[in-house]
PDB file of N, CA and C in Angstrom:
ATOM      1  N   MET A   1     111.978  98.583  55.961  1.00  0.00           N
ATOM      2  CA  MET A   1     111.021  98.797  57.029  1.00  0.00           C
ATOM      3  C   MET A   1     110.065  97.612  57.078  1.00  0.00           C
ATOM      4  N   HIS A   2     109.851  97.081  58.232  1.00  0.00           N
ATOM      5  CA  HIS A   2     108.960  95.934  58.393  1.00  0.00           C
ATOM      6  C   HIS A   2     107.521  96.405  58.533  1.00  0.00           C
ATOM      7  N   ASN A   3     106.635  95.687  57.937  1.00  0.00           N
ATOM      8  CA  ASN A   3     105.221  96.014  57.974  1.00  0.00           C
ATOM      9  C   ASN A   3     104.502  94.972  58.831  1.00  0.00           C
ATOM     10  N   PRO A   4     103.896  95.368  59.965  1.00  0.00           N
ATOM     11  CA  PRO A   4     103.235  94.388  60.824  1.00  0.00           C
ATOM     12  C   PRO A   4     102.064  93.691  60.130  1.00  0.00           C
ATOM     13  N   GLU A   5     101.376  94.417  59.243  1.00  0.00           N
ATOM     14  CA  GLU A   5     100.251  93.800  58.540  1.00  0.00           C
ATOM     15  C   GLU A   5     100.725  92.682  57.629  1.00  0.00           C
ATOM     16  N   LYS A   6     101.888  92.893  57.021  1.00  0.00           N
ATOM     17  CA  LYS A   6     102.427  91.876  56.126  1.00  0.00           C
ATOM     18  C   LYS A   6     102.852  90.643  56.929  1.00  0.00           C
ATOM     19  N   PHE A   7     103.429  90.870  58.126  1.00  0.00           N
ATOM     20  CA  PHE A   7     103.893  89.763  58.954  1.00  0.00           C
ATOM     21  C   PHE A   7     102.722  89.009  59.591  1.00  0.00           C
ATOM     22  N   TYR A   8     101.786  89.779  60.204  1.00  0.00           N
ATOM     23  CA  TYR A   8     100.674  89.160  60.919  1.00  0.00           C
ATOM     24  C   TYR A   8      99.464  88.887  60.022  1.00  0.00           C
ATOM     25  N   GLY A   9      99.444  89.483  58.862  1.00  0.00           N
ATOM     26  CA  GLY A   9      98.291  89.342  57.982  1.00  0.00           C
ATOM     27  C   GLY A   9      97.274  90.422  58.281  1.00  0.00           C
ATOM     28  N   GLY A  10      96.132  90.377  57.629  1.00  0.00           N
ATOM     29  CA  GLY A  10      95.093  91.380  57.809  1.00  0.00           C
ATOM     30  C   GLY A  10      94.417  91.302  59.161  1.00  0.00           C
ATOM     31  N   HIS A  11      94.699  90.262  59.923  1.00  0.00           N
ATOM     32  CA  HIS A  11      94.077  90.044  61.234  1.00  0.00           C
ATOM     33  C   HIS A  11      94.454  91.140  62.230  1.00  0.00           C
ATOM     34  N   ILE A  12      95.616  91.790  62.026  1.00  0.00           N
ATOM     35  CA  ILE A  12      96.076  92.810  62.978  1.00  0.00           C
ATOM     36  C   ILE A  12      95.127  94.001  63.010  1.00  0.00           C
ATOM     37  N   ASN A  13      94.575  94.389  61.876  1.00  0.00           N
ATOM     38  CA  ASN A  13      93.630  95.510  61.854  1.00  0.00           C
ATOM     39  C   ASN A  13      92.368  95.177  62.635  1.00  0.00           C
ATOM     40  N   TYR A  14      91.906  93.948  62.508  1.00  0.00           N
ATOM     41  CA  TYR A  14      90.720  93.514  63.243  1.00  0.00           C
ATOM     42  C   TYR A  14      90.973  93.573  64.748  1.00  0.00           C
ATOM     43  N   LEU A  15      92.160  93.133  65.182  1.00  0.00           N
ATOM     44  CA  LEU A  15      92.495  93.159  66.611  1.00  0.00           C
ATOM     45  C   LEU A  15      92.587  94.589  67.124  1.00  0.00           C
ATOM     46  N   LYS A  16      93.150  95.494  66.331  1.00  0.00           N
ATOM     47  CA  LYS A  16      93.241  96.903  66.738  1.00  0.00           C
ATOM     48  C   LYS A  16      91.850  97.498  66.911  1.00  0.00           C
ATOM     49  N   GLN A  17      90.978  97.236  65.950  1.00  0.00           N
ATOM     50  CA  GLN A  17      89.620  97.773  66.022  1.00  0.00           C
ATOM     51  C   GLN A  17      88.873  97.201  67.225  1.00  0.00           C
ATOM     52  N   GLN A  18      89.068  95.930  67.483  1.00  0.00           N
ATOM     53  CA  GLN A  18      88.410  95.286  68.617  1.00  0.00           C
ATOM     54  C   GLN A  18      88.893  95.893  69.935  1.00  0.00           C
ATOM     55  N   HIS A  19      90.204  96.120  70.039  1.00  0.00           N
ATOM     56  CA  HIS A  19      90.772  96.718  71.249  1.00  0.00           C
ATOM     57  C   HIS A  19      90.264  98.147  71.428  1.00  0.00           C
ATOM     58  N   GLN A  20      90.220  98.908  70.353  1.00  0.00           N
ATOM     59  CA  GLN A  20      89.745 100.288  70.435  1.00  0.00           C
ATOM     60  C   GLN A  20      88.280 100.346  70.841  1.00  0.00           C
ATOM     61  N   SER A  21      87.474  99.436  70.317  1.00  0.00           N
ATOM     62  CA  SER A  21      86.055  99.454  70.681  1.00  0.00           C
ATOM     63  C   SER A  21      85.858  99.057  72.149  1.00  0.00           C
ATOM     64  N   ARG A  22      86.677  98.121  72.659  1.00  0.00           N
ATOM     65  CA  ARG A  22      86.591  97.758  74.083  1.00  0.00           C
ATOM     66  C   ARG A  22      86.996  98.934  74.960  1.00  0.00           C
ATOM     67  N   CYS A  23      88.055  99.641  74.567  1.00  0.00           N
ATOM     68  CA  CYS A  23      88.501 100.802  75.347  1.00  0.00           C
ATOM     69  C   CYS A  23      87.443 101.895  75.346  1.00  0.00           C
ATOM     70  N   LEU A  24      86.835 102.131  74.193  1.00  0.00           N
ATOM     71  CA  LEU A  24      85.796 103.148  74.096  1.00  0.00           C
ATOM     72  C   LEU A  24      84.581 102.779  74.943  1.00  0.00           C
ATOM     73  N   LEU A  25      84.212 101.521  74.944  1.00  0.00           N
ATOM     74  CA  LEU A  25      83.090 101.054  75.755  1.00  0.00           C
ATOM     75  C   LEU A  25      83.382 101.235  77.246  1.00  0.00           C
ATOM     76  N   GLN A  26      84.599 100.899  77.675  1.00  0.00           N
ATOM     77  CA  GLN A  26      84.988 101.065  79.078  1.00  0.00           C
ATOM     78  C   GLN A  26      85.009 102.541  79.460  1.00  0.00           C
ATOM     79  N   LEU A  27      85.465 103.390  78.558  1.00  0.00           N
ATOM     80  CA  LEU A  27      85.491 104.825  78.809  1.00  0.00           C
ATOM     81  C   LEU A  27      84.072 105.365  78.989  1.00  0.00           C
ATOM     82  N   LYS A  28      83.151 104.912  78.165  1.00  0.00           N
ATOM     83  CA  LYS A  28      81.757 105.348  78.292  1.00  0.00           C
ATOM     84  C   LYS A  28      81.156 104.881  79.613  1.00  0.00           C
ATOM     85  N   LYS A  29      81.461 103.648  80.025  1.00  0.00           N
ATOM     86  CA  LYS A  29      80.961 103.144  81.309  1.00  0.00           C
ATOM     87  C   LYS A  29      81.476 104.000  82.461  1.00  0.00           C
ATOM     88  N   ASN A  30      82.780 104.300  82.435  1.00  0.00           N
ATOM     89  CA  ASN A  30      83.373 105.114  83.502  1.00  0.00           C
ATOM     90  C   ASN A  30      82.767 106.508  83.534  1.00  0.00           C
ATOM     91  N   TYR A  31      82.490 107.065  82.366  1.00  0.00           N
ATOM     92  CA  TYR A  31      81.876 108.390  82.289  1.00  0.00           C
ATOM     93  C   TYR A  31      80.505 108.382  82.958  1.00  0.00           C
ATOM     94  N   HIS A  32      79.702 107.379  82.669  1.00  0.00           N
ATOM     95  CA  HIS A  32      78.356 107.313  83.248  1.00  0.00           C
ATOM     96  C   HIS A  32      78.405 107.068  84.755  1.00  0.00           C
ATOM     97  N   ILE A  33      79.349 106.276  85.207  1.00  0.00           N
ATOM     98  CA  ILE A  33      79.498 106.046  86.647  1.00  0.00           C
ATOM     99  C   ILE A  33      79.851 107.347  87.352  1.00  0.00           C
ATOM    100  N   GLN A  34      80.798 108.108  86.794  1.00  0.00           N
ATOM    101  CA  GLN A  34      81.200 109.374  87.411  1.00  0.00           C
ATOM    102  C   GLN A  34      80.085 110.407  87.345  1.00  0.00           C
ATOM    103  N   LYS A  35      79.287 110.352  86.298  1.00  0.00           N
ATOM    104  CA  LYS A  35      78.190 111.301  86.172  1.00  0.00           C
ATOM    105  C   LYS A  35      77.111 111.027  87.219  1.00  0.00           C
ATOM    106  N   GLU A  36      76.878 109.741  87.527  1.00  0.00           N
ATOM    107  CA  GLU A  36      75.877 109.377  88.528  1.00  0.00           C
ATOM    108  C   GLU A  36      76.348 109.674  89.948  1.00  0.00           C
ATOM    109  N   LYS A  37      77.641 109.517  90.208  1.00  0.00           N
ATOM    110  CA  LYS A  37      78.192 109.727  91.547  1.00  0.00           C
ATOM    111  C   LYS A  37      79.340 110.729  91.470  1.00  0.00           C
ATOM    112  N   PRO A  38      79.055 112.024  91.343  1.00  0.00           N
ATOM    113  CA  PRO A  38      80.141 113.007  91.250  1.00  0.00           C
ATOM    114  C   PRO A  38      80.842 113.194  92.594  1.00  0.00           C
ATOM    115  N   PHE A  39      82.034 113.759  92.535  1.00  0.00           N
ATOM    116  CA  PHE A  39      82.773 114.054  93.754  1.00  0.00           C
ATOM    117  C   PHE A  39      82.070 115.175  94.511  1.00  0.00           C
ATOM    118  N   PRO A  40      82.062 115.127  95.833  1.00  0.00           N
ATOM    119  CA  PRO A  40      81.423 116.200  96.598  1.00  0.00           C
ATOM    120  C   PRO A  40      82.199 117.507  96.451  1.00  0.00           C
ATOM    121  N   ALA A  41      81.469 118.614  96.485  1.00  0.00           N
ATOM    122  CA  ALA A  41      82.102 119.925  96.325  1.00  0.00           C
ATOM    123  C   ALA A  41      82.929 120.289  97.557  1.00  0.00           C
ATOM    124  N   VAL A  42      82.457 119.893  98.733  1.00  0.00           N
ATOM    125  CA  VAL A  42      83.161 120.214  99.976  1.00  0.00           C
ATOM    126  C   VAL A  42      83.507 118.904 100.677  1.00  0.00           C
ATOM    127  N   PHE A  43      84.783 118.756 101.026  1.00  0.00           N
ATOM    128  CA  PHE A  43      85.213 117.571 101.751  1.00  0.00           C
ATOM    129  C   PHE A  43      85.092 117.829 103.245  1.00  0.00           C
ATOM    130  N   LYS A  44      84.534 116.874 103.961  1.00  0.00           N
ATOM    131  CA  LYS A  44      84.436 116.987 105.409  1.00  0.00           C
ATOM    132  C   LYS A  44      85.677 116.369 106.035  1.00  0.00           C
ATOM    133  N   SER A  45      86.155 116.984 107.099  1.00  0.00           N
ATOM    134  CA  SER A  45      87.315 116.461 107.802  1.00  0.00           C
ATOM    135  C   SER A  45      86.900 115.223 108.582  1.00  0.00           C
ATOM    136  N   ARG A  46      87.566 114.124 108.301  1.00  0.00           N
ATOM    137  CA  ARG A  46      87.295 112.890 109.024  1.00  0.00           C
ATOM    138  C   ARG A  46      88.543 112.030 108.978  1.00  0.00           C
ATOM    139  N   LEU A  47      88.546 111.002 109.779  1.00  0.00           N
ATOM    140  CA  LEU A  47      89.729 110.162 109.900  1.00  0.00           C
ATOM    141  C   LEU A  47      90.082 109.471 108.593  1.00  0.00           C
ATOM    142  N   ASP A  48      89.088 108.975 107.875  1.00  0.00           N
ATOM    143  CA  ASP A  48      89.365 108.240 106.647  1.00  0.00           C
ATOM    144  C   ASP A  48      89.247 109.104 105.393  1.00  0.00           C
ATOM    145  N   GLY A  49      89.188 110.413 105.537  1.00  0.00           N
ATOM    146  CA  GLY A  49      89.032 111.294 104.382  1.00  0.00           C
ATOM    147  C   GLY A  49      90.101 112.363 104.351  1.00  0.00           C
ATOM    148  N   PRO A  50      90.004 113.247 103.384  1.00  0.00           N
ATOM    149  CA  PRO A  50      91.010 114.299 103.263  1.00  0.00           C
ATOM    150  C   PRO A  50      90.914 115.310 104.395  1.00  0.00           C
ATOM    151  N   SER A  51      92.029 115.877 104.721  1.00  0.00           N
ATOM    152  CA  SER A  51      92.103 116.855 105.794  1.00  0.00           C
ATOM    153  C   SER A  51      91.709 118.231 105.268  1.00  0.00           C
ATOM    154  N   VAL A  52      91.171 119.050 106.163  1.00  0.00           N
ATOM    155  CA  VAL A  52      90.775 120.400 105.783  1.00  0.00           C
ATOM    156  C   VAL A  52      91.992 121.316 105.718  1.00  0.00           C
ATOM    157  N   ALA A  53      92.926 121.169 106.635  1.00  0.00           N
ATOM    158  CA  ALA A  53      94.091 122.055 106.707  1.00  0.00           C
ATOM    159  C   ALA A  53      95.301 121.415 106.038  1.00  0.00           C
ATOM    160  N   TRP A  54      95.880 122.122 105.091  1.00  0.00           N
ATOM    161  CA  TRP A  54      97.124 121.701 104.435  1.00  0.00           C
ATOM    162  C   TRP A  54      97.985 122.949 104.300  1.00  0.00           C
ATOM    163  N   ASN A  55      98.914 123.133 105.211  1.00  0.00           N
ATOM    164  CA  ASN A  55      99.787 124.303 105.153  1.00  0.00           C
ATOM    165  C   ASN A  55     101.235 123.869 105.262  1.00  0.00           C
ATOM    166  N   VAL A  56     102.093 124.544 104.505  1.00  0.00           N
ATOM    167  CA  VAL A  56     103.524 124.252 104.503  1.00  0.00           C
ATOM    168  C   VAL A  56     104.249 125.432 105.142  1.00  0.00           C
ATOM    169  N   PHE A  57     105.172 125.118 106.057  1.00  0.00           N
ATOM    170  CA  PHE A  57     105.939 126.144 106.758  1.00  0.00           C
ATOM    171  C   PHE A  57     107.427 125.876 106.595  1.00  0.00           C
ATOM    172  N   LYS A  58     108.223 126.955 106.664  1.00  0.00           N
ATOM    173  CA  LYS A  58     109.679 126.810 106.567  1.00  0.00           C
ATOM    174  C   LYS A  58     110.316 126.587 107.931  1.00  0.00           C
ATOM    175  N   ARG A  59     109.603 126.923 108.999  1.00  0.00           N
ATOM    176  CA  ARG A  59     110.144 126.758 110.351  1.00  0.00           C
ATOM    177  C   ARG A  59     109.236 125.853 111.179  1.00  0.00           C
ATOM    178  N   LEU A  60     109.875 124.988 111.956  1.00  0.00           N
ATOM    179  CA  LEU A  60     109.136 124.047 112.795  1.00  0.00           C
ATOM    180  C   LEU A  60     108.302 124.774 113.841  1.00  0.00           C
ATOM    181  N   SER A  61     108.832 125.860 114.397  1.00  0.00           N
ATOM    182  CA  SER A  61     108.096 126.579 115.438  1.00  0.00           C
ATOM    183  C   SER A  61     106.784 127.146 114.897  1.00  0.00           C
ATOM    184  N   LEU A  62     106.806 127.661 113.667  1.00  0.00           N
ATOM    185  CA  LEU A  62     105.579 128.182 113.065  1.00  0.00           C
ATOM    186  C   LEU A  62     104.586 127.052 112.787  1.00  0.00           C
ATOM    187  N   ALA A  63     105.103 125.928 112.308  1.00  0.00           N
ATOM    188  CA  ALA A  63     104.239 124.784 112.018  1.00  0.00           C
ATOM    189  C   ALA A  63     103.603 124.250 113.294  1.00  0.00           C
ATOM    190  N   ALA A  64     104.387 124.163 114.363  1.00  0.00           N
ATOM    191  CA  ALA A  64     103.868 123.641 115.629  1.00  0.00           C
ATOM    192  C   ALA A  64     102.822 124.574 116.225  1.00  0.00           C
ATOM    193  N   SER A  65     103.067 125.876 116.159  1.00  0.00           N
ATOM    194  CA  SER A  65     102.084 126.812 116.720  1.00  0.00           C
ATOM    195  C   SER A  65     100.792 126.807 115.901  1.00  0.00           C
ATOM    196  N   PHE A  66     100.904 126.650 114.579  1.00  0.00           N
ATOM    197  CA  PHE A  66      99.698 126.563 113.756  1.00  0.00           C
ATOM    198  C   PHE A  66      98.918 125.291 114.074  1.00  0.00           C
ATOM    199  N   ALA A  67      99.627 124.175 114.236  1.00  0.00           N
ATOM    200  CA  ALA A  67      98.965 122.905 114.561  1.00  0.00           C
ATOM    201  C   ALA A  67      98.253 122.995 115.904  1.00  0.00           C
ATOM    202  N   ASP A  68      98.858 123.681 116.866  1.00  0.00           N
ATOM    203  CA  ASP A  68      98.228 123.838 118.179  1.00  0.00           C
ATOM    204  C   ASP A  68      96.993 124.737 118.116  1.00  0.00           C
ATOM    205  N   SER A  69      96.997 125.706 117.198  1.00  0.00           N
ATOM    206  CA  SER A  69      95.877 126.645 117.116  1.00  0.00           C
ATOM    207  C   SER A  69      94.679 126.084 116.360  1.00  0.00           C
ATOM    208  N   CYS A  70      94.861 124.998 115.636  1.00  0.00           N
ATOM    209  CA  CYS A  70      93.751 124.407 114.874  1.00  0.00           C
ATOM    210  C   CYS A  70      92.746 123.767 115.823  1.00  0.00           C
ATOM    211  N   THR A  71      91.478 123.835 115.447  1.00  0.00           N
ATOM    212  CA  THR A  71      90.444 123.236 116.289  1.00  0.00           C
ATOM    213  C   THR A  71      90.444 121.719 116.165  1.00  0.00           C
ATOM    214  N   LYS A  72      90.782 121.204 115.009  1.00  0.00           N
ATOM    215  CA  LYS A  72      90.842 119.754 114.800  1.00  0.00           C
ATOM    216  C   LYS A  72      92.247 119.259 115.121  1.00  0.00           C
ATOM    217  N   ASP A  73      92.374 117.956 115.290  1.00  0.00           N
ATOM    218  CA  ASP A  73      93.691 117.369 115.518  1.00  0.00           C
ATOM    219  C   ASP A  73      94.517 117.491 114.248  1.00  0.00           C
ATOM    220  N   CYS A  74      95.667 118.126 114.369  1.00  0.00           N
ATOM    221  CA  CYS A  74      96.575 118.280 113.234  1.00  0.00           C
ATOM    222  C   CYS A  74      97.896 117.612 113.570  1.00  0.00           C
ATOM    223  N   MET A  75      98.583 117.193 112.542  1.00  0.00           N
ATOM    224  CA  MET A  75      99.903 116.593 112.707  1.00  0.00           C
ATOM    225  C   MET A  75     100.894 117.375 111.866  1.00  0.00           C
ATOM    226  N   VAL A  76     102.166 117.343 112.278  1.00  0.00           N
ATOM    227  CA  VAL A  76     103.235 118.024 111.555  1.00  0.00           C
ATOM    228  C   VAL A  76     104.129 116.967 110.929  1.00  0.00           C
ATOM    229  N   PHE A  77     104.352 117.105 109.629  1.00  0.00           N
ATOM    230  CA  PHE A  77     105.227 116.198 108.892  1.00  0.00           C
ATOM    231  C   PHE A  77     106.389 116.995 108.329  1.00  0.00           C
ATOM    232  N   SER A  78     107.552 116.380 108.293  1.00  0.00           N
ATOM    233  CA  SER A  78     108.746 117.024 107.755  1.00  0.00           C
ATOM    234  C   SER A  78     109.120 116.359 106.438  1.00  0.00           C
ATOM    235  N   PHE A  79     109.542 117.188 105.467  1.00  0.00           N
ATOM    236  CA  PHE A  79     110.017 116.649 104.196  1.00  0.00           C
ATOM    237  C   PHE A  79     111.050 117.599 103.617  1.00  0.00           C
ATOM    238  N   GLU A  80     111.837 117.105 102.687  1.00  0.00           N
ATOM    239  CA  GLU A  80     112.858 117.929 102.042  1.00  0.00           C
ATOM    240  C   GLU A  80     112.421 118.288 100.645  1.00  0.00           C
ATOM    241  N   GLU A  81     112.534 119.563 100.349  1.00  0.00           N
ATOM    242  CA  GLU A  81     112.208 120.048  99.016  1.00  0.00           C
ATOM    243  C   GLU A  81     113.423 119.838  98.121  1.00  0.00           C
ATOM    244  N   ARG A  82     113.209 119.271  96.972  1.00  0.00           N
ATOM    245  CA  ARG A  82     114.317 118.994  96.062  1.00  0.00           C
ATOM    246  C   ARG A  82     114.215 119.897  94.839  1.00  0.00           C
ATOM    247  N   VAL A  83     114.831 121.047  94.939  1.00  0.00           N
ATOM    248  CA  VAL A  83     114.919 121.972  93.808  1.00  0.00           C
ATOM    249  C   VAL A  83     116.388 122.287  93.589  1.00  0.00           C
ATOM    250  N   PRO A  84     116.812 122.488  92.345  1.00  0.00           N
ATOM    251  CA  PRO A  84     118.242 122.686  92.061  1.00  0.00           C
ATOM    252  C   PRO A  84     118.858 123.895  92.761  1.00  0.00           C
ATOM    253  N   GLU A  85     118.120 125.000  92.872  1.00  0.00           N
ATOM    254  CA  GLU A  85     118.714 126.206  93.459  1.00  0.00           C
ATOM    255  C   GLU A  85     118.827 126.145  94.975  1.00  0.00           C
ATOM    256  N   ASN A  86     118.094 125.255  95.637  1.00  0.00           N
ATOM    257  CA  ASN A  86     118.151 125.162  97.090  1.00  0.00           C
ATOM    258  C   ASN A  86     117.987 123.701  97.514  1.00  0.00           C
ATOM    259  N   PRO A  87     119.017 122.877  97.325  1.00  0.00           N
ATOM    260  CA  PRO A  87     118.871 121.451  97.635  1.00  0.00           C
ATOM    261  C   PRO A  87     118.798 121.202  99.142  1.00  0.00           C
ATOM    262  N   GLY A  88     117.953 120.264  99.523  1.00  0.00           N
ATOM    263  CA  GLY A  88     117.881 119.851 100.919  1.00  0.00           C
ATOM    264  C   GLY A  88     117.118 120.781 101.829  1.00  0.00           C
ATOM    265  N   GLN A  89     116.303 121.670 101.298  1.00  0.00           N
ATOM    266  CA  GLN A  89     115.514 122.584 102.125  1.00  0.00           C
ATOM    267  C   GLN A  89     114.437 121.799 102.856  1.00  0.00           C
ATOM    268  N   ARG A  90     114.476 121.820 104.166  1.00  0.00           N
ATOM    269  CA  ARG A  90     113.488 121.097 104.962  1.00  0.00           C
ATOM    270  C   ARG A  90     112.259 121.975 105.154  1.00  0.00           C
ATOM    271  N   LEU A  91     111.098 121.381 104.897  1.00  0.00           N
ATOM    272  CA  LEU A  91     109.829 122.075 105.077  1.00  0.00           C
ATOM    273  C   LEU A  91     108.944 121.247 106.001  1.00  0.00           C
ATOM    274  N   PHE A  92     107.918 121.888 106.535  1.00  0.00           N
ATOM    275  CA  PHE A  92     107.028 121.235 107.485  1.00  0.00           C
ATOM    276  C   PHE A  92     105.587 121.376 107.016  1.00  0.00           C
ATOM    277  N   LEU A  93     104.926 120.246 106.876  1.00  0.00           N
ATOM    278  CA  LEU A  93     103.537 120.210 106.433  1.00  0.00           C
ATOM    279  C   LEU A  93     102.648 119.972 107.639  1.00  0.00           C
ATOM    280  N   VAL A  94     101.647 120.820 107.798  1.00  0.00           N
ATOM    281  CA  VAL A  94     100.669 120.656 108.874  1.00  0.00           C
ATOM    282  C   VAL A  94      99.360 120.233 108.229  1.00  0.00           C
ATOM    283  N   THR A  95      98.871 119.089 108.658  1.00  0.00           N
ATOM    284  CA  THR A  95      97.600 118.604 108.140  1.00  0.00           C
ATOM    285  C   THR A  95      96.867 117.830 109.213  1.00  0.00           C
TER     286      THR A  95
END
């Protein structure tokens, strides 16, 4: 079994400690930044932000009627669900 300390010398432990202390310092900085500016509890619907409505439908007609009934502009997206018991199931996301 090769020993990295034997190959690189005792310097490897110093580098590990230095890297760990830098990571810990960065983690503390990120923690304080997030604490000062927390995420809002309620997201407002806007063009550059998250949508309020996120619903998945199995039929296009249901998705289209839901999108039409929403007060805000909604769009319908199609995607395929990939699960072993039902491959290729098409679903419709309204957002």
